[in-house]
Amino acid sequence: MIARVRAGEPEAYADLVRAHTGIALRAARALGAGADAEDVVQQAFFKAYCSLGRFRDGESFRPWLLSIVANETRNTVRAAGRRLTLAGREAAMAEAQPLIPESADPAVAAVAGERRLALLAALEQLSEEHRLVVTYRYLLEMDESETAQALGWPRGTVKSRLNRALRKLGRLLPEGGLREGREGGDEDG
C-alpha cells in the first residue's frame, strides 16, 4: 500500500488513515493527549505523509506511525505546559475501552474498574520510558518487534525495560493486581 501512496494514489493514503486511525487515537489518549488526541493524530498523519520518503520498505507501518503519534503527543503536552491528571487519563482510557455489557455482573465490573484505576495510578509513577514500553506492549497490544520499532530501541532493550517496568508495577499495585491481569506471563519471553 505504501508503494501505491508513493505512486501518487490519494485513495491509498486514505485507506492507510482509515486502517490506523483507531489505534493512533488509542495511543494518543493512552500517552496523555486527552482532548487533543484527534488533533495529535491528524498532525501525526500529516507528518507521516510528508515523511514517507524516509519510511523503509519492508518495515511495518503501524509502529512507525505510532512513534510519530508518541512524538506529537509529547510535543502537544509539553507545549500546553500541562499533564493530564490520573482522572483525566482514566477518562481517556475509558473512551478507548469497550463498554461493559449490561449482562455483566456489576461487582465484577466494579472490581475491573478499580483494577484499571490502580494500574493507571501505578503507571503514572513509572519513568517515561517504562510507561511507554508498557503502554505500547500491553495497552496498545503491540508485539516486541513492533514495540522496538515504534520506540526506536533494540529488541533486547524493550525486553529489559519491560521486565523492569513490570517488576516496578508489581510492587506498586495492590496484592496480586498485576498477576491477575497477565495470567501465564509474557508469550515472547
N, C-alpha and C. Protein backbone atom coordinates (compact mmCIF):
# COMPACT_ATOMS: atom_id res chain seq x y z
N MET A 1 0.83 -1.19 0.00
CA MET A 1 0.00 0.00 0.00
C MET A 1 0.88 1.26 0.00
N ILE A 2 2.01 1.20 0.70
CA ILE A 2 2.92 2.36 0.73
C ILE A 2 3.40 2.69 -0.68
N ALA A 3 3.67 1.66 -1.46
CA ALA A 3 4.11 1.88 -2.84
C ALA A 3 3.04 2.63 -3.62
N ARG A 4 1.76 2.29 -3.39
CA ARG A 4 0.66 2.98 -4.07
C ARG A 4 0.60 4.45 -3.63
N VAL A 5 0.84 4.70 -2.34
CA VAL A 5 0.83 6.09 -1.85
C VAL A 5 1.97 6.86 -2.50
N ARG A 6 3.15 6.24 -2.52
CA ARG A 6 4.32 6.90 -3.13
C ARG A 6 4.12 7.14 -4.62
N ALA A 7 3.29 6.28 -5.24
CA ALA A 7 3.00 6.44 -6.67
C ALA A 7 1.97 7.53 -6.92
N GLY A 8 1.44 8.12 -5.85
CA GLY A 8 0.53 9.24 -6.00
C GLY A 8 -0.95 8.88 -5.96
N GLU A 9 -1.30 7.71 -5.50
CA GLU A 9 -2.71 7.34 -5.40
C GLU A 9 -3.30 7.89 -4.10
N PRO A 10 -4.12 8.94 -4.18
CA PRO A 10 -4.66 9.54 -2.96
C PRO A 10 -5.52 8.57 -2.15
N GLU A 11 -6.24 7.68 -2.82
CA GLU A 11 -7.11 6.75 -2.10
C GLU A 11 -6.30 5.76 -1.26
N ALA A 12 -5.07 5.47 -1.68
CA ALA A 12 -4.23 4.54 -0.93
C ALA A 12 -3.89 5.12 0.44
N TYR A 13 -3.58 6.41 0.51
CA TYR A 13 -3.28 7.01 1.81
C TYR A 13 -4.54 7.11 2.65
N ALA A 14 -5.66 7.38 2.02
CA ALA A 14 -6.93 7.40 2.75
C ALA A 14 -7.20 6.03 3.37
N ASP A 15 -6.87 4.96 2.66
CA ASP A 15 -7.03 3.61 3.20
C ASP A 15 -6.12 3.40 4.41
N LEU A 16 -4.88 3.86 4.33
CA LEU A 16 -3.96 3.76 5.47
C LEU A 16 -4.50 4.52 6.68
N VAL A 17 -5.00 5.71 6.44
CA VAL A 17 -5.55 6.53 7.53
C VAL A 17 -6.74 5.82 8.17
N ARG A 18 -7.65 5.31 7.35
CA ARG A 18 -8.82 4.60 7.89
C ARG A 18 -8.39 3.38 8.71
N ALA A 19 -7.41 2.66 8.22
CA ALA A 19 -6.98 1.42 8.88
C ALA A 19 -6.28 1.68 10.21
N HIS A 20 -5.65 2.85 10.38
CA HIS A 20 -4.82 3.09 11.56
C HIS A 20 -5.32 4.20 12.48
N THR A 21 -6.42 4.84 12.16
CA THR A 21 -6.91 5.93 13.00
C THR A 21 -7.28 5.46 14.40
N GLY A 22 -7.95 4.33 14.51
CA GLY A 22 -8.37 3.83 15.83
C GLY A 22 -7.20 3.61 16.77
N ILE A 23 -6.18 2.89 16.31
CA ILE A 23 -5.02 2.61 17.16
C ILE A 23 -4.24 3.89 17.44
N ALA A 24 -4.20 4.80 16.48
CA ALA A 24 -3.49 6.07 16.69
C ALA A 24 -4.19 6.90 17.77
N LEU A 25 -5.52 6.93 17.74
CA LEU A 25 -6.26 7.65 18.78
C LEU A 25 -6.06 7.01 20.15
N ARG A 26 -6.11 5.68 20.21
CA ARG A 26 -5.87 4.98 21.48
C ARG A 26 -4.49 5.32 22.02
N ALA A 27 -3.49 5.33 21.13
CA ALA A 27 -2.13 5.64 21.55
C ALA A 27 -2.03 7.06 22.08
N ALA A 28 -2.59 8.01 21.35
CA ALA A 28 -2.52 9.42 21.77
C ALA A 28 -3.20 9.60 23.13
N ARG A 29 -4.36 8.98 23.31
CA ARG A 29 -5.07 9.10 24.60
C ARG A 29 -4.29 8.43 25.72
N ALA A 30 -3.77 7.23 25.46
CA ALA A 30 -3.03 6.50 26.48
C ALA A 30 -1.75 7.22 26.88
N LEU A 31 -1.17 7.95 25.95
CA LEU A 31 0.08 8.66 26.22
C LEU A 31 -0.14 10.06 26.77
N GLY A 32 -1.41 10.47 26.93
CA GLY A 32 -1.69 11.71 27.64
C GLY A 32 -2.22 12.86 26.81
N ALA A 33 -2.63 12.65 25.57
CA ALA A 33 -3.11 13.76 24.74
C ALA A 33 -4.47 14.27 25.18
N GLY A 34 -5.27 13.43 25.81
CA GLY A 34 -6.58 13.85 26.30
C GLY A 34 -7.46 14.41 25.19
N ALA A 35 -8.01 15.58 25.42
CA ALA A 35 -8.93 16.21 24.46
C ALA A 35 -8.24 16.58 23.15
N ASP A 36 -6.91 16.63 23.17
CA ASP A 36 -6.15 16.98 21.96
C ASP A 36 -5.83 15.77 21.09
N ALA A 37 -6.32 14.59 21.45
CA ALA A 37 -5.95 13.36 20.75
C ALA A 37 -6.23 13.43 19.25
N GLU A 38 -7.41 13.92 18.88
CA GLU A 38 -7.74 13.97 17.45
C GLU A 38 -6.80 14.91 16.70
N ASP A 39 -6.47 16.05 17.30
CA ASP A 39 -5.53 16.98 16.67
C ASP A 39 -4.14 16.35 16.54
N VAL A 40 -3.72 15.65 17.60
CA VAL A 40 -2.42 14.98 17.59
C VAL A 40 -2.37 13.96 16.46
N VAL A 41 -3.43 13.16 16.33
CA VAL A 41 -3.46 12.12 15.30
C VAL A 41 -3.48 12.74 13.91
N GLN A 42 -4.25 13.79 13.73
CA GLN A 42 -4.28 14.46 12.42
C GLN A 42 -2.89 14.98 12.06
N GLN A 43 -2.22 15.61 13.01
CA GLN A 43 -0.88 16.12 12.77
C GLN A 43 0.10 14.98 12.50
N ALA A 44 -0.06 13.87 13.22
CA ALA A 44 0.82 12.71 13.02
C ALA A 44 0.64 12.13 11.62
N PHE A 45 -0.60 12.02 11.15
CA PHE A 45 -0.83 11.51 9.80
C PHE A 45 -0.24 12.46 8.75
N PHE A 46 -0.34 13.75 8.98
CA PHE A 46 0.25 14.72 8.06
C PHE A 46 1.77 14.56 8.02
N LYS A 47 2.38 14.46 9.20
CA LYS A 47 3.84 14.29 9.26
C LYS A 47 4.27 12.97 8.65
N ALA A 48 3.48 11.92 8.88
CA ALA A 48 3.80 10.62 8.30
C ALA A 48 3.77 10.71 6.77
N TYR A 49 2.77 11.38 6.25
CA TYR A 49 2.65 11.53 4.79
C TYR A 49 3.87 12.28 4.24
N CYS A 50 4.24 13.35 4.91
CA CYS A 50 5.38 14.14 4.46
C CYS A 50 6.70 13.38 4.59
N SER A 51 6.75 12.40 5.49
CA SER A 51 7.97 11.65 5.75
C SER A 51 8.02 10.29 5.09
N LEU A 52 7.06 9.99 4.23
CA LEU A 52 7.02 8.66 3.62
C LEU A 52 8.29 8.31 2.86
N GLY A 53 9.01 9.31 2.41
CA GLY A 53 10.28 9.04 1.72
C GLY A 53 11.30 8.39 2.63
N ARG A 54 11.17 8.60 3.95
CA ARG A 54 12.10 8.01 4.91
C ARG A 54 11.61 6.68 5.46
N PHE A 55 10.38 6.32 5.12
CA PHE A 55 9.85 5.04 5.58
C PHE A 55 10.56 3.93 4.83
N ARG A 56 11.11 2.95 5.58
CA ARG A 56 11.87 1.86 4.97
C ARG A 56 10.96 0.75 4.48
N ASP A 57 11.13 0.37 3.23
CA ASP A 57 10.36 -0.75 2.67
C ASP A 57 10.60 -1.99 3.52
N GLY A 58 9.56 -2.76 3.70
CA GLY A 58 9.65 -3.98 4.48
C GLY A 58 9.36 -3.79 5.96
N GLU A 59 9.37 -2.56 6.43
CA GLU A 59 9.03 -2.27 7.83
C GLU A 59 7.52 -2.23 7.97
N SER A 60 7.06 -2.38 9.18
CA SER A 60 5.63 -2.31 9.47
C SER A 60 5.22 -0.85 9.63
N PHE A 61 4.13 -0.47 9.01
CA PHE A 61 3.67 0.92 9.05
C PHE A 61 3.17 1.31 10.44
N ARG A 62 2.44 0.42 11.10
CA ARG A 62 1.81 0.75 12.39
C ARG A 62 2.81 1.24 13.44
N PRO A 63 3.90 0.50 13.73
CA PRO A 63 4.84 1.02 14.73
C PRO A 63 5.49 2.33 14.32
N TRP A 64 5.77 2.47 13.02
CA TRP A 64 6.37 3.71 12.53
C TRP A 64 5.41 4.87 12.78
N LEU A 65 4.14 4.68 12.44
CA LEU A 65 3.14 5.72 12.67
C LEU A 65 2.99 6.02 14.16
N LEU A 66 2.94 4.99 14.99
CA LEU A 66 2.74 5.20 16.42
C LEU A 66 3.92 5.91 17.07
N SER A 67 5.11 5.76 16.52
CA SER A 67 6.24 6.53 17.05
C SER A 67 6.04 8.01 16.73
N ILE A 68 5.47 8.32 15.59
CA ILE A 68 5.15 9.71 15.24
C ILE A 68 4.04 10.23 16.15
N VAL A 69 3.03 9.41 16.41
CA VAL A 69 1.95 9.80 17.32
C VAL A 69 2.51 10.08 18.71
N ALA A 70 3.42 9.23 19.19
CA ALA A 70 4.02 9.43 20.51
C ALA A 70 4.79 10.75 20.57
N ASN A 71 5.56 11.03 19.52
CA ASN A 71 6.32 12.29 19.49
C ASN A 71 5.37 13.49 19.46
N GLU A 72 4.33 13.41 18.65
CA GLU A 72 3.36 14.51 18.58
C GLU A 72 2.64 14.69 19.92
N THR A 73 2.31 13.59 20.57
CA THR A 73 1.66 13.68 21.88
C THR A 73 2.57 14.38 22.87
N ARG A 74 3.85 13.96 22.92
CA ARG A 74 4.82 14.60 23.82
C ARG A 74 4.93 16.09 23.53
N ASN A 75 5.03 16.44 22.26
CA ASN A 75 5.15 17.85 21.88
C ASN A 75 3.92 18.64 22.29
N THR A 76 2.75 18.06 22.08
CA THR A 76 1.50 18.74 22.43
C THR A 76 1.39 18.96 23.93
N VAL A 77 1.70 17.92 24.69
CA VAL A 77 1.61 18.02 26.15
C VAL A 77 2.61 19.04 26.68
N ARG A 78 3.84 18.99 26.15
CA ARG A 78 4.86 19.95 26.61
C ARG A 78 4.48 21.38 26.22
N ALA A 79 4.01 21.56 25.00
CA ALA A 79 3.66 22.90 24.53
C ALA A 79 2.54 23.49 25.36
N ALA A 80 1.61 22.67 25.77
CA ALA A 80 0.49 23.16 26.57
C ALA A 80 0.91 23.39 28.02
N GLY A 81 2.07 22.84 28.40
CA GLY A 81 2.57 23.07 29.75
C GLY A 81 1.71 22.41 30.82
N ARG A 82 1.11 21.29 30.46
CA ARG A 82 0.26 20.61 31.44
C ARG A 82 0.40 19.11 31.29
N ARG A 83 -0.01 18.43 32.29
CA ARG A 83 -0.09 16.97 32.28
C ARG A 83 -1.50 16.58 32.67
N LEU A 84 -1.97 15.51 32.07
CA LEU A 84 -3.29 15.02 32.45
C LEU A 84 -3.23 14.46 33.86
N THR A 85 -4.26 14.69 34.60
CA THR A 85 -4.36 14.09 35.92
C THR A 85 -4.71 12.61 35.75
N LEU A 86 -4.62 11.87 36.82
CA LEU A 86 -4.99 10.46 36.79
C LEU A 86 -6.44 10.32 36.34
N ALA A 87 -7.31 11.16 36.84
CA ALA A 87 -8.73 11.09 36.46
C ALA A 87 -8.90 11.36 34.97
N GLY A 88 -8.15 12.30 34.43
CA GLY A 88 -8.23 12.61 33.01
C GLY A 88 -7.73 11.47 32.15
N ARG A 89 -6.64 10.85 32.59
CA ARG A 89 -6.10 9.72 31.84
C ARG A 89 -7.06 8.54 31.93
N GLU A 90 -7.67 8.33 33.09
CA GLU A 90 -8.66 7.26 33.23
C GLU A 90 -9.84 7.50 32.30
N ALA A 91 -10.30 8.74 32.22
CA ALA A 91 -11.42 9.05 31.32
C ALA A 91 -11.02 8.79 29.86
N ALA A 92 -9.80 9.16 29.50
CA ALA A 92 -9.33 8.94 28.13
C ALA A 92 -9.22 7.45 27.83
N MET A 93 -8.71 6.68 28.79
CA MET A 93 -8.61 5.24 28.58
C MET A 93 -9.99 4.60 28.53
N ALA A 94 -10.92 5.10 29.33
CA ALA A 94 -12.28 4.55 29.33
C ALA A 94 -12.92 4.75 27.96
N GLU A 95 -12.64 5.87 27.31
CA GLU A 95 -13.17 6.12 25.97
C GLU A 95 -12.64 5.10 24.98
N ALA A 96 -11.41 4.64 25.20
CA ALA A 96 -10.79 3.70 24.28
C ALA A 96 -11.16 2.25 24.58
N GLN A 97 -11.78 2.01 25.73
CA GLN A 97 -12.15 0.66 26.14
C GLN A 97 -13.58 0.34 25.71
N PRO A 98 -13.85 -0.93 25.41
CA PRO A 98 -15.23 -1.29 25.09
C PRO A 98 -16.11 -1.15 26.33
N LEU A 99 -17.38 -0.82 26.10
CA LEU A 99 -18.31 -0.69 27.21
C LEU A 99 -18.59 -2.05 27.81
N ILE A 100 -18.85 -2.08 29.10
CA ILE A 100 -19.17 -3.33 29.77
C ILE A 100 -20.60 -3.70 29.39
N PRO A 101 -20.81 -4.93 28.91
CA PRO A 101 -22.16 -5.33 28.52
C PRO A 101 -23.11 -5.32 29.71
N GLU A 102 -24.37 -5.03 29.44
CA GLU A 102 -25.37 -4.97 30.51
C GLU A 102 -25.48 -6.29 31.25
N SER A 103 -25.18 -7.41 30.59
CA SER A 103 -25.30 -8.71 31.21
C SER A 103 -24.18 -9.00 32.20
N ALA A 104 -23.16 -8.14 32.24
CA ALA A 104 -22.03 -8.36 33.13
C ALA A 104 -22.44 -8.16 34.57
N ASP A 105 -21.78 -8.89 35.44
CA ASP A 105 -22.02 -8.78 36.88
C ASP A 105 -21.49 -7.41 37.35
N PRO A 106 -22.34 -6.59 38.00
CA PRO A 106 -21.89 -5.26 38.45
C PRO A 106 -20.69 -5.33 39.39
N ALA A 107 -20.61 -6.36 40.21
CA ALA A 107 -19.48 -6.49 41.13
C ALA A 107 -18.19 -6.73 40.36
N VAL A 108 -18.26 -7.58 39.34
CA VAL A 108 -17.09 -7.86 38.50
C VAL A 108 -16.67 -6.58 37.77
N ALA A 109 -17.65 -5.84 37.26
CA ALA A 109 -17.35 -4.58 36.56
C ALA A 109 -16.71 -3.58 37.51
N ALA A 110 -17.18 -3.52 38.74
CA ALA A 110 -16.61 -2.58 39.72
C ALA A 110 -15.17 -2.95 40.04
N VAL A 111 -14.90 -4.25 40.23
CA VAL A 111 -13.54 -4.70 40.52
C VAL A 111 -12.63 -4.39 39.33
N ALA A 112 -13.12 -4.63 38.11
CA ALA A 112 -12.33 -4.33 36.92
C ALA A 112 -12.01 -2.84 36.84
N GLY A 113 -12.98 -2.00 37.16
CA GLY A 113 -12.74 -0.56 37.17
C GLY A 113 -11.71 -0.15 38.21
N GLU A 114 -11.80 -0.76 39.39
CA GLU A 114 -10.82 -0.47 40.45
C GLU A 114 -9.42 -0.90 40.03
N ARG A 115 -9.32 -2.06 39.39
CA ARG A 115 -8.02 -2.54 38.91
C ARG A 115 -7.44 -1.59 37.87
N ARG A 116 -8.30 -1.12 36.96
CA ARG A 116 -7.83 -0.20 35.93
C ARG A 116 -7.32 1.10 36.56
N LEU A 117 -8.04 1.61 37.55
CA LEU A 117 -7.59 2.82 38.25
C LEU A 117 -6.25 2.59 38.95
N ALA A 118 -6.12 1.43 39.61
CA ALA A 118 -4.87 1.12 40.29
C ALA A 118 -3.72 1.01 39.30
N LEU A 119 -3.99 0.37 38.16
CA LEU A 119 -2.96 0.25 37.13
C LEU A 119 -2.54 1.62 36.60
N LEU A 120 -3.51 2.48 36.31
CA LEU A 120 -3.18 3.81 35.80
C LEU A 120 -2.42 4.63 36.84
N ALA A 121 -2.80 4.51 38.11
CA ALA A 121 -2.07 5.22 39.17
C ALA A 121 -0.63 4.72 39.24
N ALA A 122 -0.44 3.41 39.13
CA ALA A 122 0.90 2.84 39.16
C ALA A 122 1.70 3.27 37.92
N LEU A 123 1.06 3.28 36.75
CA LEU A 123 1.73 3.71 35.53
C LEU A 123 2.23 5.15 35.66
N GLU A 124 1.45 5.99 36.30
CA GLU A 124 1.83 7.40 36.49
C GLU A 124 3.13 7.52 37.29
N GLN A 125 3.42 6.53 38.13
CA GLN A 125 4.60 6.58 38.98
C GLN A 125 5.86 6.06 38.29
N LEU A 126 5.71 5.46 37.12
CA LEU A 126 6.86 4.95 36.38
C LEU A 126 7.57 6.07 35.62
N SER A 127 8.81 5.83 35.27
CA SER A 127 9.54 6.77 34.40
C SER A 127 8.86 6.77 33.04
N GLU A 128 9.14 7.78 32.24
CA GLU A 128 8.51 7.87 30.91
C GLU A 128 8.85 6.66 30.04
N GLU A 129 10.12 6.22 30.05
CA GLU A 129 10.49 5.08 29.21
C GLU A 129 9.77 3.80 29.65
N HIS A 130 9.61 3.61 30.94
CA HIS A 130 8.89 2.42 31.41
C HIS A 130 7.40 2.52 31.11
N ARG A 131 6.84 3.70 31.27
CA ARG A 131 5.41 3.90 30.95
C ARG A 131 5.17 3.66 29.46
N LEU A 132 6.09 4.15 28.62
CA LEU A 132 5.94 3.96 27.17
C LEU A 132 6.00 2.49 26.78
N VAL A 133 6.97 1.75 27.29
CA VAL A 133 7.12 0.36 26.88
C VAL A 133 5.92 -0.47 27.34
N VAL A 134 5.39 -0.21 28.53
CA VAL A 134 4.21 -0.94 29.00
C VAL A 134 2.99 -0.55 28.17
N THR A 135 2.85 0.73 27.87
CA THR A 135 1.70 1.20 27.08
C THR A 135 1.71 0.57 25.70
N TYR A 136 2.85 0.61 25.02
CA TYR A 136 2.92 0.05 23.67
C TYR A 136 2.69 -1.46 23.69
N ARG A 137 3.35 -2.14 24.60
CA ARG A 137 3.32 -3.60 24.61
C ARG A 137 1.97 -4.16 25.03
N TYR A 138 1.36 -3.57 26.06
CA TYR A 138 0.14 -4.17 26.61
C TYR A 138 -1.13 -3.37 26.34
N LEU A 139 -1.09 -2.06 26.51
CA LEU A 139 -2.31 -1.29 26.28
C LEU A 139 -2.62 -1.17 24.79
N LEU A 140 -1.58 -1.08 23.96
CA LEU A 140 -1.78 -1.00 22.52
C LEU A 140 -1.60 -2.35 21.84
N GLU A 141 -1.27 -3.37 22.63
CA GLU A 141 -1.19 -4.76 22.18
C GLU A 141 -0.23 -4.97 21.01
N MET A 142 0.93 -4.32 21.10
CA MET A 142 1.96 -4.50 20.08
C MET A 142 2.89 -5.62 20.52
N ASP A 143 3.43 -6.38 19.56
CA ASP A 143 4.39 -7.41 19.93
C ASP A 143 5.75 -6.75 20.18
N GLU A 144 6.72 -7.55 20.61
CA GLU A 144 8.04 -6.99 20.95
C GLU A 144 8.70 -6.28 19.78
N SER A 145 8.62 -6.88 18.61
CA SER A 145 9.26 -6.28 17.43
C SER A 145 8.63 -4.94 17.08
N GLU A 146 7.30 -4.88 17.11
CA GLU A 146 6.61 -3.62 16.81
C GLU A 146 6.93 -2.57 17.87
N THR A 147 6.98 -2.99 19.14
CA THR A 147 7.31 -2.06 20.23
C THR A 147 8.71 -1.50 20.03
N ALA A 148 9.65 -2.39 19.69
CA ALA A 148 11.03 -1.95 19.45
C ALA A 148 11.09 -0.95 18.30
N GLN A 149 10.38 -1.26 17.22
CA GLN A 149 10.38 -0.36 16.06
C GLN A 149 9.75 0.98 16.42
N ALA A 150 8.62 0.95 17.13
CA ALA A 150 7.92 2.20 17.45
C ALA A 150 8.75 3.08 18.37
N LEU A 151 9.47 2.46 19.32
CA LEU A 151 10.25 3.24 20.27
C LEU A 151 11.67 3.52 19.77
N GLY A 152 12.07 2.87 18.67
CA GLY A 152 13.42 3.08 18.16
C GLY A 152 14.48 2.46 19.05
N TRP A 153 14.11 1.40 19.76
CA TRP A 153 15.03 0.72 20.67
C TRP A 153 15.34 -0.67 20.12
N PRO A 154 16.51 -1.21 20.47
CA PRO A 154 16.76 -2.62 20.13
C PRO A 154 15.78 -3.52 20.89
N ARG A 155 15.51 -4.68 20.34
CA ARG A 155 14.55 -5.60 20.95
C ARG A 155 14.98 -6.00 22.36
N GLY A 156 16.28 -6.19 22.58
CA GLY A 156 16.78 -6.53 23.92
C GLY A 156 16.49 -5.44 24.93
N THR A 157 16.57 -4.18 24.49
CA THR A 157 16.26 -3.06 25.37
C THR A 157 14.79 -3.07 25.74
N VAL A 158 13.93 -3.37 24.77
CA VAL A 158 12.50 -3.48 25.05
C VAL A 158 12.27 -4.54 26.11
N LYS A 159 12.90 -5.71 25.94
CA LYS A 159 12.72 -6.81 26.90
C LYS A 159 13.17 -6.41 28.30
N SER A 160 14.36 -5.81 28.40
CA SER A 160 14.88 -5.49 29.73
C SER A 160 14.09 -4.36 30.39
N ARG A 161 13.72 -3.33 29.63
CA ARG A 161 12.94 -2.24 30.22
C ARG A 161 11.54 -2.69 30.59
N LEU A 162 10.97 -3.55 29.77
CA LEU A 162 9.65 -4.08 30.07
C LEU A 162 9.71 -4.93 31.33
N ASN A 163 10.73 -5.74 31.45
CA ASN A 163 10.90 -6.57 32.64
C ASN A 163 11.01 -5.70 33.89
N ARG A 164 11.85 -4.67 33.84
CA ARG A 164 12.00 -3.77 35.00
C ARG A 164 10.71 -3.02 35.28
N ALA A 165 10.02 -2.56 34.23
CA ALA A 165 8.76 -1.83 34.41
C ALA A 165 7.70 -2.72 35.05
N LEU A 166 7.62 -3.96 34.61
CA LEU A 166 6.62 -4.86 35.18
C LEU A 166 6.94 -5.20 36.64
N ARG A 167 8.22 -5.33 36.96
CA ARG A 167 8.60 -5.56 38.38
C ARG A 167 8.19 -4.36 39.22
N LYS A 168 8.45 -3.14 38.71
CA LYS A 168 8.06 -1.93 39.45
C LYS A 168 6.55 -1.86 39.60
N LEU A 169 5.82 -2.15 38.52
CA LEU A 169 4.36 -2.14 38.59
C LEU A 169 3.87 -3.15 39.62
N GLY A 170 4.50 -4.32 39.64
CA GLY A 170 4.12 -5.35 40.60
C GLY A 170 4.26 -4.87 42.03
N ARG A 171 5.31 -4.07 42.30
CA ARG A 171 5.49 -3.52 43.65
C ARG A 171 4.50 -2.40 43.95
N LEU A 172 4.08 -1.68 42.93
CA LEU A 172 3.19 -0.53 43.12
C LEU A 172 1.72 -0.92 43.21
N LEU A 173 1.36 -2.05 42.62
CA LEU A 173 -0.04 -2.46 42.58
C LEU A 173 -0.43 -3.20 43.85
N PRO A 174 -1.73 -3.14 44.18
CA PRO A 174 -2.20 -3.93 45.33
C PRO A 174 -1.89 -5.41 45.10
N GLU A 175 -1.84 -6.16 46.17
CA GLU A 175 -1.51 -7.59 46.14
C GLU A 175 -2.18 -8.31 44.97
N GLY A 176 -1.38 -8.94 44.10
CA GLY A 176 -1.90 -9.74 43.01
C GLY A 176 -2.44 -8.96 41.83
N GLY A 177 -2.40 -7.62 41.86
CA GLY A 177 -3.01 -6.81 40.81
C GLY A 177 -2.45 -7.06 39.43
N LEU A 178 -1.13 -7.23 39.32
CA LEU A 178 -0.52 -7.44 38.01
C LEU A 178 -0.66 -8.89 37.58
N ARG A 179 -0.45 -9.81 38.51
CA ARG A 179 -0.51 -11.23 38.18
C ARG A 179 -1.87 -11.61 37.63
N GLU A 180 -2.95 -11.11 38.24
CA GLU A 180 -4.29 -11.47 37.79
C GLU A 180 -4.59 -10.93 36.42
N GLY A 181 -4.00 -9.81 36.05
CA GLY A 181 -4.26 -9.21 34.75
C GLY A 181 -3.43 -9.82 33.64
N ARG A 182 -2.35 -10.58 34.00
CA ARG A 182 -1.45 -11.14 32.98
C ARG A 182 -1.20 -12.61 33.26
N GLU A 183 -2.23 -13.38 33.32
CA GLU A 183 -2.07 -14.81 33.62
C GLU A 183 -1.19 -15.45 32.57
N GLY A 184 -0.30 -16.33 33.04
CA GLY A 184 0.54 -17.08 32.12
C GLY A 184 1.78 -16.35 31.69
N GLY A 185 1.93 -15.09 32.03
CA GLY A 185 3.15 -14.35 31.70
C GLY A 185 3.19 -13.91 30.25
N ASP A 186 4.38 -13.51 29.83
CA ASP A 186 4.59 -12.93 28.50
C ASP A 186 4.97 -14.03 27.52
N GLU A 187 4.22 -14.15 26.45
CA GLU A 187 4.48 -15.19 25.47
C GLU A 187 5.77 -14.99 24.71
N ASP A 188 6.31 -13.79 24.72
CA ASP A 188 7.55 -13.52 23.98
C ASP A 188 8.79 -13.81 24.83
N GLY A 189 8.62 -14.13 26.05
CA GLY A 189 9.78 -14.49 26.88
C GLY A 189 10.08 -13.44 27.82
